PDB file of N, CA and C in Angstrom:
ATOM      1  N   MET A   1      -5.792  -0.756  15.880  1.00  0.00           N
ATOM      2  CA  MET A   1      -4.528  -0.943  16.530  1.00  0.00           C
ATOM      3  C   MET A   1      -4.772  -0.895  18.033  1.00  0.00           C
ATOM      4  N   ASP A   2      -4.292  -1.864  18.740  1.00  0.00           N
ATOM      5  CA  ASP A   2      -4.462  -1.934  20.183  1.00  0.00           C
ATOM      6  C   ASP A   2      -3.298  -1.234  20.862  1.00  0.00           C
ATOM      7  N   THR A   3      -3.521  -0.027  21.356  1.00  0.00           N
ATOM      8  CA  THR A   3      -2.439   0.741  21.970  1.00  0.00           C
ATOM      9  C   THR A   3      -2.127   0.289  23.395  1.00  0.00           C
ATOM     10  N   ARG A   4      -2.868  -0.696  23.895  1.00  0.00           N
ATOM     11  CA  ARG A   4      -2.536  -1.259  25.215  1.00  0.00           C
ATOM     12  C   ARG A   4      -1.337  -2.180  25.127  1.00  0.00           C
ATOM     13  N   LYS A   5      -1.034  -2.672  23.954  1.00  0.00           N
ATOM     14  CA  LYS A   5       0.115  -3.555  23.770  1.00  0.00           C
ATOM     15  C   LYS A   5       1.377  -2.717  23.589  1.00  0.00           C
ATOM     16  N   THR A   6       2.484  -3.221  24.058  1.00  0.00           N
ATOM     17  CA  THR A   6       3.729  -2.450  23.992  1.00  0.00           C
ATOM     18  C   THR A   6       4.307  -2.373  22.582  1.00  0.00           C
ATOM     19  N   ASP A   7       3.863  -3.213  21.685  1.00  0.00           N
ATOM     20  CA  ASP A   7       4.426  -3.224  20.328  1.00  0.00           C
ATOM     21  C   ASP A   7       3.505  -2.554  19.304  1.00  0.00           C
ATOM     22  N   HIS A   8       2.696  -1.597  19.731  1.00  0.00           N
ATOM     23  CA  HIS A   8       1.720  -0.987  18.822  1.00  0.00           C
ATOM     24  C   HIS A   8       2.310   0.121  17.950  1.00  0.00           C
ATOM     25  N   HIS A   9       3.521   0.560  18.205  1.00  0.00           N
ATOM     26  CA  HIS A   9       4.116   1.658  17.445  1.00  0.00           C
ATOM     27  C   HIS A   9       4.762   1.164  16.149  1.00  0.00           C
ATOM     28  N   ASN A  10       4.817   2.046  15.186  1.00  0.00           N
ATOM     29  CA  ASN A  10       5.555   1.814  13.942  1.00  0.00           C
ATOM     30  C   ASN A  10       5.061   0.623  13.122  1.00  0.00           C
ATOM     31  N   LYS A  11       3.776   0.384  13.120  1.00  0.00           N
ATOM     32  CA  LYS A  11       3.213  -0.649  12.250  1.00  0.00           C
ATOM     33  C   LYS A  11       2.637   0.048  11.033  1.00  0.00           C
ATOM     34  N   PHE A  12       3.122  -0.319   9.868  1.00  0.00           N
ATOM     35  CA  PHE A  12       2.627   0.291   8.651  1.00  0.00           C
ATOM     36  C   PHE A  12       2.841  -0.652   7.480  1.00  0.00           C
ATOM     37  N   LEU A  13       2.133  -0.382   6.426  1.00  0.00           N
ATOM     38  CA  LEU A  13       2.198  -1.186   5.209  1.00  0.00           C
ATOM     39  C   LEU A  13       2.435  -0.234   4.049  1.00  0.00           C
ATOM     40  N   VAL A  14       3.413  -0.541   3.213  1.00  0.00           N
ATOM     41  CA  VAL A  14       3.692   0.291   2.046  1.00  0.00           C
ATOM     42  C   VAL A  14       3.802  -0.601   0.822  1.00  0.00           C
ATOM     43  N   GLY A  15       3.592  -0.052  -0.336  1.00  0.00           N
ATOM     44  CA  GLY A  15       3.727  -0.848  -1.543  1.00  0.00           C
ATOM     45  C   GLY A  15       3.475  -0.032  -2.791  1.00  0.00           C
ATOM     46  N   LYS A  16       3.511  -0.702  -3.908  1.00  0.00           N
ATOM     47  CA  LYS A  16       3.248  -0.113  -5.218  1.00  0.00           C
ATOM     48  C   LYS A  16       2.232  -0.989  -5.939  1.00  0.00           C
ATOM     49  N   ILE A  17       1.427  -0.357  -6.756  1.00  0.00           N
ATOM     50  CA  ILE A  17       0.499  -1.075  -7.622  1.00  0.00           C
ATOM     51  C   ILE A  17       1.023  -0.895  -9.038  1.00  0.00           C
ATOM     52  N   TRP A  18       1.193  -1.993  -9.744  1.00  0.00           N
ATOM     53  CA  TRP A  18       1.748  -1.890 -11.092  1.00  0.00           C
ATOM     54  C   TRP A  18       1.239  -2.998 -11.986  1.00  0.00           C
ATOM     55  N   ASN A  19       1.308  -2.742 -13.285  1.00  0.00           N
ATOM     56  CA  ASN A  19       0.898  -3.690 -14.321  1.00  0.00           C
ATOM     57  C   ASN A  19       2.154  -4.077 -15.089  1.00  0.00           C
ATOM     58  N   ASN A  20       2.520  -5.331 -15.033  1.00  0.00           N
ATOM     59  CA  ASN A  20       3.752  -5.818 -15.656  1.00  0.00           C
ATOM     60  C   ASN A  20       3.580  -5.888 -17.178  1.00  0.00           C
ATOM     61  N   GLN A  21       3.607  -4.717 -17.815  1.00  0.00           N
ATOM     62  CA  GLN A  21       3.316  -4.601 -19.243  1.00  0.00           C
ATOM     63  C   GLN A  21       4.256  -5.390 -20.138  1.00  0.00           C
ATOM     64  N   ASN A  22       5.531  -5.454 -19.783  1.00  0.00           N
ATOM     65  CA  ASN A  22       6.488  -6.154 -20.642  1.00  0.00           C
ATOM     66  C   ASN A  22       6.749  -7.593 -20.181  1.00  0.00           C
ATOM     67  N   ILE A  23       5.974  -8.073 -19.228  1.00  0.00           N
ATOM     68  CA  ILE A  23       6.021  -9.449 -18.732  1.00  0.00           C
ATOM     69  C   ILE A  23       7.432  -9.851 -18.285  1.00  0.00           C
ATOM     70  N   SER A  24       8.147  -8.904 -17.673  1.00  0.00           N
ATOM     71  CA  SER A  24       9.501  -9.190 -17.197  1.00  0.00           C
ATOM     72  C   SER A  24       9.501  -9.779 -15.792  1.00  0.00           C
ATOM     73  N   GLY A  25       8.379  -9.637 -15.076  1.00  0.00           N
ATOM     74  CA  GLY A  25       8.331 -10.093 -13.693  1.00  0.00           C
ATOM     75  C   GLY A  25       8.954  -9.109 -12.730  1.00  0.00           C
ATOM     76  N   ARG A  26       9.371  -7.956 -13.240  1.00  0.00           N
ATOM     77  CA  ARG A  26      10.003  -6.926 -12.432  1.00  0.00           C
ATOM     78  C   ARG A  26       9.328  -5.582 -12.694  1.00  0.00           C
ATOM     79  N   TYR A  27       9.356  -4.729 -11.677  1.00  0.00           N
ATOM     80  CA  TYR A  27       8.753  -3.399 -11.796  1.00  0.00           C
ATOM     81  C   TYR A  27       9.648  -2.478 -12.621  1.00  0.00           C
ATOM     82  N   ASP A  28       9.079  -1.825 -13.608  1.00  0.00           N
ATOM     83  CA  ASP A  28       9.752  -0.788 -14.383  1.00  0.00           C
ATOM     84  C   ASP A  28       9.019   0.526 -14.142  1.00  0.00           C
ATOM     85  N   ASN A  29       9.716   1.648 -14.200  1.00  0.00           N
ATOM     86  CA  ASN A  29       9.138   2.954 -13.874  1.00  0.00           C
ATOM     87  C   ASN A  29       7.863   3.286 -14.648  1.00  0.00           C
ATOM     88  N   ILE A  30       7.696   2.786 -15.831  1.00  0.00           N
ATOM     89  CA  ILE A  30       6.517   3.121 -16.641  1.00  0.00           C
ATOM     90  C   ILE A  30       5.294   2.260 -16.311  1.00  0.00           C
ATOM     91  N   GLU A  31       5.420   1.293 -15.403  1.00  0.00           N
ATOM     92  CA  GLU A  31       4.352   0.321 -15.168  1.00  0.00           C
ATOM     93  C   GLU A  31       3.451   0.640 -13.973  1.00  0.00           C
ATOM     94  N   GLY A  32       3.730   1.714 -13.248  1.00  0.00           N
ATOM     95  CA  GLY A  32       2.950   2.035 -12.059  1.00  0.00           C
ATOM     96  C   GLY A  32       1.539   2.493 -12.383  1.00  0.00           C
ATOM     97  N   LEU A  33       0.607   2.174 -11.493  1.00  0.00           N
ATOM     98  CA  LEU A  33      -0.793   2.570 -11.653  1.00  0.00           C
ATOM     99  C   LEU A  33      -1.159   3.558 -10.553  1.00  0.00           C
ATOM    100  N   ASN A  34      -1.495   4.779 -10.917  1.00  0.00           N
ATOM    101  CA  ASN A  34      -1.937   5.733  -9.904  1.00  0.00           C
ATOM    102  C   ASN A  34      -3.464   5.763  -9.870  1.00  0.00           C
ATOM    103  N   GLY A  35      -4.001   6.186  -8.749  1.00  0.00           N
ATOM    104  CA  GLY A  35      -5.447   6.262  -8.585  1.00  0.00           C
ATOM    105  C   GLY A  35      -6.108   4.951  -8.179  1.00  0.00           C
ATOM    106  N   ALA A  36      -5.314   3.929  -7.855  1.00  0.00           N
ATOM    107  CA  ALA A  36      -5.871   2.637  -7.424  1.00  0.00           C
ATOM    108  C   ALA A  36      -6.154   2.683  -5.919  1.00  0.00           C
ATOM    109  N   THR A  37      -7.281   2.144  -5.498  1.00  0.00           N
ATOM    110  CA  THR A  37      -7.633   2.097  -4.081  1.00  0.00           C
ATOM    111  C   THR A  37      -7.122   0.797  -3.468  1.00  0.00           C
ATOM    112  N   VAL A  38      -6.462   0.926  -2.331  1.00  0.00           N
ATOM    113  CA  VAL A  38      -5.932  -0.229  -1.589  1.00  0.00           C
ATOM    114  C   VAL A  38      -6.666  -0.260  -0.262  1.00  0.00           C
ATOM    115  N   ARG A  39      -7.357  -1.384   0.005  1.00  0.00           N
ATOM    116  CA  ARG A  39      -8.185  -1.499   1.200  1.00  0.00           C
ATOM    117  C   ARG A  39      -7.844  -2.804   1.915  1.00  0.00           C
ATOM    118  N   PRO A  40      -7.491  -2.740   3.214  1.00  0.00           N
ATOM    119  CA  PRO A  40      -7.228  -3.980   3.956  1.00  0.00           C
ATOM    120  C   PRO A  40      -8.493  -4.820   4.124  1.00  0.00           C
ATOM    121  N   ASN A  41      -8.341  -6.077   4.481  1.00  0.00           N
ATOM    122  CA  ASN A  41      -9.490  -6.960   4.681  1.00  0.00           C
ATOM    123  C   ASN A  41     -10.373  -6.506   5.833  1.00  0.00           C
ATOM    124  N   GLU A  42      -9.783  -5.851   6.835  1.00  0.00           N
ATOM    125  CA  GLU A  42     -10.535  -5.396   7.994  1.00  0.00           C
ATOM    126  C   GLU A  42     -10.331  -3.902   8.175  1.00  0.00           C
ATOM    127  N   GLY A  43     -11.319  -3.251   8.779  1.00  0.00           N
ATOM    128  CA  GLY A  43     -11.198  -1.833   9.089  1.00  0.00           C
ATOM    129  C   GLY A  43     -11.814  -0.951   8.027  1.00  0.00           C
ATOM    130  N   VAL A  44     -11.820   0.350   8.311  1.00  0.00           N
ATOM    131  CA  VAL A  44     -12.456   1.307   7.426  1.00  0.00           C
ATOM    132  C   VAL A  44     -11.455   2.169   6.668  1.00  0.00           C
ATOM    133  N   TYR A  45     -10.184   2.052   6.997  1.00  0.00           N
ATOM    134  CA  TYR A  45      -9.180   2.895   6.364  1.00  0.00           C
ATOM    135  C   TYR A  45      -8.774   2.346   5.014  1.00  0.00           C
ATOM    136  N   PHE A  46      -8.376   3.235   4.128  1.00  0.00           N
ATOM    137  CA  PHE A  46      -7.917   2.833   2.810  1.00  0.00           C
ATOM    138  C   PHE A  46      -6.891   3.833   2.324  1.00  0.00           C
ATOM    139  N   ALA A  47      -6.188   3.499   1.265  1.00  0.00           N
ATOM    140  CA  ALA A  47      -5.226   4.407   0.649  1.00  0.00           C
ATOM    141  C   ALA A  47      -5.460   4.394  -0.852  1.00  0.00           C
ATOM    142  N   VAL A  48      -5.098   5.470  -1.497  1.00  0.00           N
ATOM    143  CA  VAL A  48      -5.182   5.578  -2.952  1.00  0.00           C
ATOM    144  C   VAL A  48      -3.790   5.864  -3.462  1.00  0.00           C
ATOM    145  N   THR A  49      -3.356   5.112  -4.467  1.00  0.00           N
ATOM    146  CA  THR A  49      -2.007   5.321  -4.980  1.00  0.00           C
ATOM    147  C   THR A  49      -1.894   6.711  -5.588  1.00  0.00           C
ATOM    148  N   GLY A  50      -0.732   7.296  -5.427  1.00  0.00           N
ATOM    149  CA  GLY A  50      -0.486   8.640  -5.925  1.00  0.00           C
ATOM    150  C   GLY A  50       0.243   8.628  -7.257  1.00  0.00           C
ATOM    151  N   ASP A  51       0.771   9.784  -7.623  1.00  0.00           N
ATOM    152  CA  ASP A  51       1.470   9.928  -8.906  1.00  0.00           C
ATOM    153  C   ASP A  51       2.677   9.003  -9.019  1.00  0.00           C
ATOM    154  N   ALA A  52       3.274   8.639  -7.898  1.00  0.00           N
ATOM    155  CA  ALA A  52       4.436   7.747  -7.914  1.00  0.00           C
ATOM    156  C   ALA A  52       4.031   6.289  -7.704  1.00  0.00           C
ATOM    157  N   ASP A  53       2.755   5.965  -7.828  1.00  0.00           N
ATOM    158  CA  ASP A  53       2.202   4.601  -7.763  1.00  0.00           C
ATOM    159  C   ASP A  53       2.202   3.997  -6.367  1.00  0.00           C
ATOM    160  N   GLY A  54       2.695   4.680  -5.376  1.00  0.00           N
ATOM    161  CA  GLY A  54       2.821   4.092  -4.049  1.00  0.00           C
ATOM    162  C   GLY A  54       1.624   4.362  -3.169  1.00  0.00           C
ATOM    163  N   TYR A  55       1.556   3.604  -2.068  1.00  0.00           N
ATOM    164  CA  TYR A  55       0.517   3.784  -1.062  1.00  0.00           C
ATOM    165  C   TYR A  55       1.113   3.444   0.283  1.00  0.00           C
ATOM    166  N   HIS A  56       0.440   3.870   1.353  1.00  0.00           N
ATOM    167  CA  HIS A  56       0.835   3.462   2.691  1.00  0.00           C
ATOM    168  C   HIS A  56      -0.378   3.465   3.606  1.00  0.00           C
ATOM    169  N   HIS A  57      -0.397   2.500   4.500  1.00  0.00           N
ATOM    170  CA  HIS A  57      -1.396   2.394   5.563  1.00  0.00           C
ATOM    171  C   HIS A  57      -0.639   2.529   6.869  1.00  0.00           C
ATOM    172  N   THR A  58      -1.143   3.364   7.761  1.00  0.00           N
ATOM    173  CA  THR A  58      -0.463   3.521   9.041  1.00  0.00           C
ATOM    174  C   THR A  58      -1.293   3.045  10.227  1.00  0.00           C
ATOM    175  N   ASP A  59      -2.560   2.739  10.032  1.00  0.00           N
ATOM    176  CA  ASP A  59      -3.413   2.327  11.153  1.00  0.00           C
ATOM    177  C   ASP A  59      -3.686   0.826  11.059  1.00  0.00           C
ATOM    178  N   LEU A  60      -2.660   0.038  11.313  1.00  0.00           N
ATOM    179  CA  LEU A  60      -2.796  -1.412  11.221  1.00  0.00           C
ATOM    180  C   LEU A  60      -2.972  -2.026  12.589  1.00  0.00           C
ATOM    181  N   LYS A  61      -3.706  -3.127  12.632  1.00  0.00           N
ATOM    182  CA  LYS A  61      -3.926  -3.830  13.910  1.00  0.00           C
ATOM    183  C   LYS A  61      -2.799  -4.790  14.165  1.00  0.00           C
TER     184      LYS A  61
END
């Protein structure tokens, strides 16, 4: 993240990892996957989904 730019604050990525078990095309509470690693294309930071299937990255460029 380039902190010399004025728009460097509040950049983050959030999401859920899930397996569409019932092929509905929509997320259902039972379909979340915990323990999955989420890694951006660039950089060294990563996140691992938690018990609620979610992840977040806060150090984005």
